[in-house]
Amino acid sequence: MTEEQDQQRQQQVREAADLAAHFDVTVEQAREMQFAEGQTLIWTEAFKLDSWLILMKPSDDPQQPEPFFGNMDGHGWAFLFTDPMHAQVFGRNNNLVTPGGNVLIAKMKVDAMISWLEEIGRSGLYGARFNEGEQGWFIPVDGLRAMQDYVEIQETRRKELEADE
């Protein structure tokens, strides 16, 4: 690895750590708020992202990993992440690693991810769990688009109020 590649890699790691910390702090802030306000804060930040991440489970064919879906409380869940750090921790803690020790992560644009999850939801996927763990949150798949619309409406109202001041 060249020095320039090493510096780029270090920068990527710093950015991933900053994003992970940002979402952990956001969730902590949300816990101190009324439930609806806290949820709005978390989802506003989640929908600001260009893409969400999903873990890929290693398969017998290393060229064909499959998205990881889990079962909790009798429901099928997609495990999504806002950043590589949360995804790496969950993947390692749940033995979703390749024989070489890597955690496979796929990135998908937010709107495309929602559409994809809605399609899978018609076949029985219940919901999406974000940053699964102490700082995580979840939503039924059929609530994702409504939450996105709600956040957009709230953001528009906020901007209108700021403009009136």
C-alpha atoms as a PDB file:
ATOM      1  CA  MET A   1       0.000   0.000   0.000  1.00  0.00           C
ATOM      2  CA  THR A   2       1.404   3.375  -0.965  1.00  0.00           C
ATOM      3  CA  GLU A   3       1.584   6.231   1.497  1.00  0.00           C
ATOM      4  CA  GLU A   4      -1.212   8.018  -0.375  1.00  0.00           C
ATOM      5  CA  GLN A   5      -3.435   4.914  -0.229  1.00  0.00           C
ATOM      6  CA  ASP A   6      -2.662   4.553   3.470  1.00  0.00           C
ATOM      7  CA  GLN A   7      -3.655   8.183   4.091  1.00  0.00           C
ATOM      8  CA  GLN A   8      -6.879   7.692   2.116  1.00  0.00           C
ATOM      9  CA  ARG A   9      -7.662   4.572   4.136  1.00  0.00           C
ATOM     10  CA  GLN A  10      -7.019   6.399   7.411  1.00  0.00           C
ATOM     11  CA  GLN A  11      -9.313   9.222   6.259  1.00  0.00           C
ATOM     12  CA  GLN A  12     -12.069   6.719   5.411  1.00  0.00           C
ATOM     13  CA  VAL A  13     -11.735   5.117   8.842  1.00  0.00           C
ATOM     14  CA  ARG A  14     -11.928   8.536  10.550  1.00  0.00           C
ATOM     15  CA  GLU A  15     -15.027   9.462   8.539  1.00  0.00           C
ATOM     16  CA  ALA A  16     -16.699   6.134   9.368  1.00  0.00           C
ATOM     17  CA  ALA A  17     -15.896   6.564  13.068  1.00  0.00           C
ATOM     18  CA  ASP A  18     -17.240  10.127  13.031  1.00  0.00           C
ATOM     19  CA  LEU A  19     -20.477   8.987  11.376  1.00  0.00           C
ATOM     20  CA  ALA A  20     -20.877   6.132  13.872  1.00  0.00           C
ATOM     21  CA  ALA A  21     -20.319   8.513  16.781  1.00  0.00           C
ATOM     22  CA  HIS A  22     -22.782  11.000  15.263  1.00  0.00           C
ATOM     23  CA  PHE A  23     -25.554   8.399  15.178  1.00  0.00           C
ATOM     24  CA  ASP A  24     -24.759   7.151  18.680  1.00  0.00           C
ATOM     25  CA  VAL A  25     -25.003  10.719  20.000  1.00  0.00           C
ATOM     26  CA  THR A  26     -28.202  11.318  18.007  1.00  0.00           C
ATOM     27  CA  VAL A  27     -29.836   8.235  19.545  1.00  0.00           C
ATOM     28  CA  GLU A  28     -28.757   9.348  23.028  1.00  0.00           C
ATOM     29  CA  GLN A  29     -30.221  12.811  22.400  1.00  0.00           C
ATOM     30  CA  ALA A  30     -33.451  11.238  21.141  1.00  0.00           C
ATOM     31  CA  ARG A  31     -33.795   9.226  24.347  1.00  0.00           C
ATOM     32  CA  GLU A  32     -33.904  12.480  26.321  1.00  0.00           C
ATOM     33  CA  MET A  33     -36.792  13.835  24.212  1.00  0.00           C
ATOM     34  CA  GLN A  34     -40.467  13.093  23.956  1.00  0.00           C
ATOM     35  CA  PHE A  35     -40.846   9.902  21.902  1.00  0.00           C
ATOM     36  CA  ALA A  36     -42.210  11.547  18.730  1.00  0.00           C
ATOM     37  CA  GLU A  37     -39.552  14.286  18.773  1.00  0.00           C
ATOM     38  CA  GLY A  38     -36.790  11.752  19.335  1.00  0.00           C
ATOM     39  CA  GLN A  39     -37.976   9.526  16.510  1.00  0.00           C
ATOM     40  CA  THR A  40     -38.171  12.533  14.203  1.00  0.00           C
ATOM     41  CA  LEU A  41     -34.589  13.468  15.104  1.00  0.00           C
ATOM     42  CA  ILE A  42     -33.253   9.963  14.448  1.00  0.00           C
ATOM     43  CA  TRP A  43     -35.109   9.534  11.169  1.00  0.00           C
ATOM     44  CA  THR A  44     -34.218  13.031   9.963  1.00  0.00           C
ATOM     45  CA  GLU A  45     -30.553  12.125  10.317  1.00  0.00           C
ATOM     46  CA  ALA A  46     -31.028   8.682   8.747  1.00  0.00           C
ATOM     47  CA  PHE A  47     -32.805  10.113   5.702  1.00  0.00           C
ATOM     48  CA  LYS A  48     -30.082  12.740   5.224  1.00  0.00           C
ATOM     49  CA  LEU A  49     -27.744   9.912   4.266  1.00  0.00           C
ATOM     50  CA  ASP A  50     -27.225   9.188   0.591  1.00  0.00           C
ATOM     51  CA  SER A  51     -27.070   5.437   1.204  1.00  0.00           C
ATOM     52  CA  TRP A  52     -27.723   2.809   3.837  1.00  0.00           C
ATOM     53  CA  LEU A  53     -25.639  -0.305   4.350  1.00  0.00           C
ATOM     54  CA  ILE A  54     -26.698  -3.934   4.589  1.00  0.00           C
ATOM     55  CA  LEU A  55     -24.564  -6.870   5.645  1.00  0.00           C
ATOM     56  CA  MET A  56     -23.926  -9.623   3.164  1.00  0.00           C
ATOM     57  CA  LYS A  57     -23.613 -13.113   4.574  1.00  0.00           C
ATOM     58  CA  PRO A  58     -20.789 -15.181   3.166  1.00  0.00           C
ATOM     59  CA  SER A  59     -21.983 -18.017   0.951  1.00  0.00           C
ATOM     60  CA  ASP A  60     -20.436 -21.150  -0.494  1.00  0.00           C
ATOM     61  CA  ASP A  61     -19.758 -19.132  -3.641  1.00  0.00           C
ATOM     62  CA  PRO A  62     -17.577 -16.178  -2.575  1.00  0.00           C
ATOM     63  CA  GLN A  63     -18.608 -14.324  -5.738  1.00  0.00           C
ATOM     64  CA  GLN A  64     -22.304 -14.517  -4.747  1.00  0.00           C
ATOM     65  CA  PRO A  65     -22.786 -13.288  -1.170  1.00  0.00           C
ATOM     66  CA  GLU A  66     -26.409 -12.832  -0.119  1.00  0.00           C
ATOM     67  CA  PRO A  67     -28.005 -10.085   1.973  1.00  0.00           C
ATOM     68  CA  PHE A  68     -28.280 -11.001   5.630  1.00  0.00           C
ATOM     69  CA  PHE A  69     -31.798 -11.208   7.041  1.00  0.00           C
ATOM     70  CA  GLY A  70     -32.403 -12.384  10.572  1.00  0.00           C
ATOM     71  CA  ASN A  71     -35.309 -13.596  12.646  1.00  0.00           C
ATOM     72  CA  MET A  72     -36.141 -11.960  15.966  1.00  0.00           C
ATOM     73  CA  ASP A  73     -39.317 -12.395  17.977  1.00  0.00           C
ATOM     74  CA  GLY A  74     -40.790 -14.516  15.196  1.00  0.00           C
ATOM     75  CA  HIS A  75     -40.349 -11.810  12.561  1.00  0.00           C
ATOM     76  CA  GLY A  76     -37.997 -11.463   9.606  1.00  0.00           C
ATOM     77  CA  TRP A  77     -35.751  -8.406   9.753  1.00  0.00           C
ATOM     78  CA  ALA A  78     -33.286  -6.647   7.483  1.00  0.00           C
ATOM     79  CA  PHE A  79     -30.271  -5.415   9.434  1.00  0.00           C
ATOM     80  CA  LEU A  80     -29.288  -2.017   8.059  1.00  0.00           C
ATOM     81  CA  PHE A  81     -26.551   0.338   9.102  1.00  0.00           C
ATOM     82  CA  THR A  82     -25.795   4.020   8.823  1.00  0.00           C
ATOM     83  CA  ASP A  83     -22.049   3.507   8.733  1.00  0.00           C
ATOM     84  CA  PRO A  84     -19.375   0.836   8.266  1.00  0.00           C
ATOM     85  CA  MET A  85     -18.347   0.828  11.942  1.00  0.00           C
ATOM     86  CA  HIS A  86     -21.746  -0.306  13.234  1.00  0.00           C
ATOM     87  CA  ALA A  87     -21.963  -2.861  10.406  1.00  0.00           C
ATOM     88  CA  GLN A  88     -18.490  -4.257  11.159  1.00  0.00           C
ATOM     89  CA  VAL A  89     -19.218  -4.658  14.873  1.00  0.00           C
ATOM     90  CA  PHE A  90     -22.538  -6.411  14.249  1.00  0.00           C
ATOM     91  CA  GLY A  91     -21.032  -8.631  11.550  1.00  0.00           C
ATOM     92  CA  ARG A  92     -18.137  -9.738  13.734  1.00  0.00           C
ATOM     93  CA  ASN A  93     -20.344 -10.246  16.797  1.00  0.00           C
ATOM     94  CA  ASN A  94     -22.659 -12.463  14.754  1.00  0.00           C
ATOM     95  CA  ASN A  95     -19.968 -14.404  12.899  1.00  0.00           C
ATOM     96  CA  LEU A  96     -20.912 -12.943   9.515  1.00  0.00           C
ATOM     97  CA  VAL A  97     -17.337 -13.067   8.320  1.00  0.00           C
ATOM     98  CA  THR A  98     -15.637 -14.611   5.340  1.00  0.00           C
ATOM     99  CA  PRO A  99     -13.022 -17.337   5.839  1.00  0.00           C
ATOM    100  CA  GLY A 100     -10.495 -14.505   5.485  1.00  0.00           C
ATOM    101  CA  GLY A 101     -12.079 -12.626   8.390  1.00  0.00           C
ATOM    102  CA  ASN A 102     -13.795  -9.872   6.404  1.00  0.00           C
ATOM    103  CA  VAL A 103     -17.296  -8.519   6.938  1.00  0.00           C
ATOM    104  CA  LEU A 104     -19.063  -7.980   3.614  1.00  0.00           C
ATOM    105  CA  ILE A 105     -21.147  -4.821   3.362  1.00  0.00           C
ATOM    106  CA  ALA A 106     -23.287  -3.596   0.467  1.00  0.00           C
ATOM    107  CA  LYS A 107     -24.335   0.012   0.007  1.00  0.00           C
ATOM    108  CA  MET A 108     -27.626   1.066  -1.569  1.00  0.00           C
ATOM    109  CA  LYS A 109     -29.190   4.484  -2.150  1.00  0.00           C
ATOM    110  CA  VAL A 110     -31.880   5.185   0.442  1.00  0.00           C
ATOM    111  CA  ASP A 111     -34.837   5.350  -1.975  1.00  0.00           C
ATOM    112  CA  ALA A 112     -33.719   2.207  -3.780  1.00  0.00           C
ATOM    113  CA  MET A 113     -33.251   0.437  -0.436  1.00  0.00           C
ATOM    114  CA  ILE A 114     -36.763   1.365   0.690  1.00  0.00           C
ATOM    115  CA  SER A 115     -38.268   0.134  -2.589  1.00  0.00           C
ATOM    116  CA  TRP A 116     -36.285  -3.102  -2.370  1.00  0.00           C
ATOM    117  CA  LEU A 117     -37.347  -3.683   1.239  1.00  0.00           C
ATOM    118  CA  GLU A 118     -40.983  -2.969   0.378  1.00  0.00           C
ATOM    119  CA  GLU A 119     -40.775  -5.581  -2.375  1.00  0.00           C
ATOM    120  CA  ILE A 120     -39.286  -8.140   0.014  1.00  0.00           C
ATOM    121  CA  GLY A 121     -41.877  -7.114   2.600  1.00  0.00           C
ATOM    122  CA  ARG A 122     -44.594  -8.438   0.314  1.00  0.00           C
ATOM    123  CA  SER A 123     -42.959 -11.849   0.755  1.00  0.00           C
ATOM    124  CA  GLY A 124     -42.884 -11.682   4.532  1.00  0.00           C
ATOM    125  CA  LEU A 125     -40.063  -9.367   5.652  1.00  0.00           C
ATOM    126  CA  TYR A 126     -41.401  -7.583   8.717  1.00  0.00           C
ATOM    127  CA  GLY A 127     -39.026  -4.718   9.328  1.00  0.00           C
ATOM    128  CA  ALA A 128     -35.648  -3.052   9.324  1.00  0.00           C
ATOM    129  CA  ARG A 129     -33.347  -2.801  12.326  1.00  0.00           C
ATOM    130  CA  PHE A 130     -30.817   0.024  12.107  1.00  0.00           C
ATOM    131  CA  ASN A 131     -27.423  -0.116  13.844  1.00  0.00           C
ATOM    132  CA  GLU A 132     -28.624  -3.131  15.826  1.00  0.00           C
ATOM    133  CA  GLY A 133     -27.351  -2.929  19.372  1.00  0.00           C
ATOM    134  CA  GLU A 134     -27.535  -0.491  22.244  1.00  0.00           C
ATOM    135  CA  GLN A 135     -27.818   2.531  19.933  1.00  0.00           C
ATOM    136  CA  GLY A 136     -30.130   0.909  17.405  1.00  0.00           C
ATOM    137  CA  TRP A 137     -33.713   1.478  16.343  1.00  0.00           C
ATOM    138  CA  PHE A 138     -36.246  -0.300  14.151  1.00  0.00           C
ATOM    139  CA  ILE A 139     -39.325   0.143  11.987  1.00  0.00           C
ATOM    140  CA  PRO A 140     -41.773  -2.114  10.155  1.00  0.00           C
ATOM    141  CA  VAL A 141     -41.001  -2.135   6.430  1.00  0.00           C
ATOM    142  CA  ASP A 142     -44.424  -0.753   5.583  1.00  0.00           C
ATOM    143  CA  GLY A 143     -43.650   2.297   7.740  1.00  0.00           C
ATOM    144  CA  LEU A 144     -40.429   3.345   6.003  1.00  0.00           C
ATOM    145  CA  ARG A 145     -41.968   5.351   3.163  1.00  0.00           C
ATOM    146  CA  ALA A 146     -44.469   7.001   5.516  1.00  0.00           C
ATOM    147  CA  MET A 147     -41.626   7.949   7.875  1.00  0.00           C
ATOM    148  CA  GLN A 148     -39.632   9.377   4.971  1.00  0.00           C
ATOM    149  CA  ASP A 149     -42.646  11.461   3.905  1.00  0.00           C
ATOM    150  CA  TYR A 150     -43.238  12.604   7.490  1.00  0.00           C
ATOM    151  CA  VAL A 151     -39.620  13.696   7.918  1.00  0.00           C
ATOM    152  CA  GLU A 152     -39.730  15.616   4.625  1.00  0.00           C
ATOM    153  CA  ILE A 153     -42.921  17.418   5.709  1.00  0.00           C
ATOM    154  CA  GLN A 154     -41.388  18.295   9.089  1.00  0.00           C
ATOM    155  CA  GLU A 155     -38.223  19.557   7.417  1.00  0.00           C
ATOM    156  CA  THR A 156     -40.253  21.727   5.003  1.00  0.00           C
ATOM    157  CA  ARG A 157     -42.223  23.180   7.929  1.00  0.00           C
ATOM    158  CA  ARG A 158     -39.026  23.871   9.850  1.00  0.00           C
ATOM    159  CA  LYS A 159     -37.539  25.746   6.885  1.00  0.00           C
ATOM    160  CA  GLU A 160     -40.752  27.746   6.412  1.00  0.00           C
ATOM    161  CA  LEU A 161     -40.715  28.766  10.075  1.00  0.00           C
ATOM    162  CA  GLU A 162     -37.066  29.806   9.839  1.00  0.00           C
ATOM    163  CA  ALA A 163     -37.828  31.887   6.747  1.00  0.00           C
ATOM    164  CA  ASP A 164     -40.684  33.655   8.572  1.00  0.00           C
ATOM    165  CA  GLU A 165     -38.445  34.656  11.491  1.00  0.00           C
END
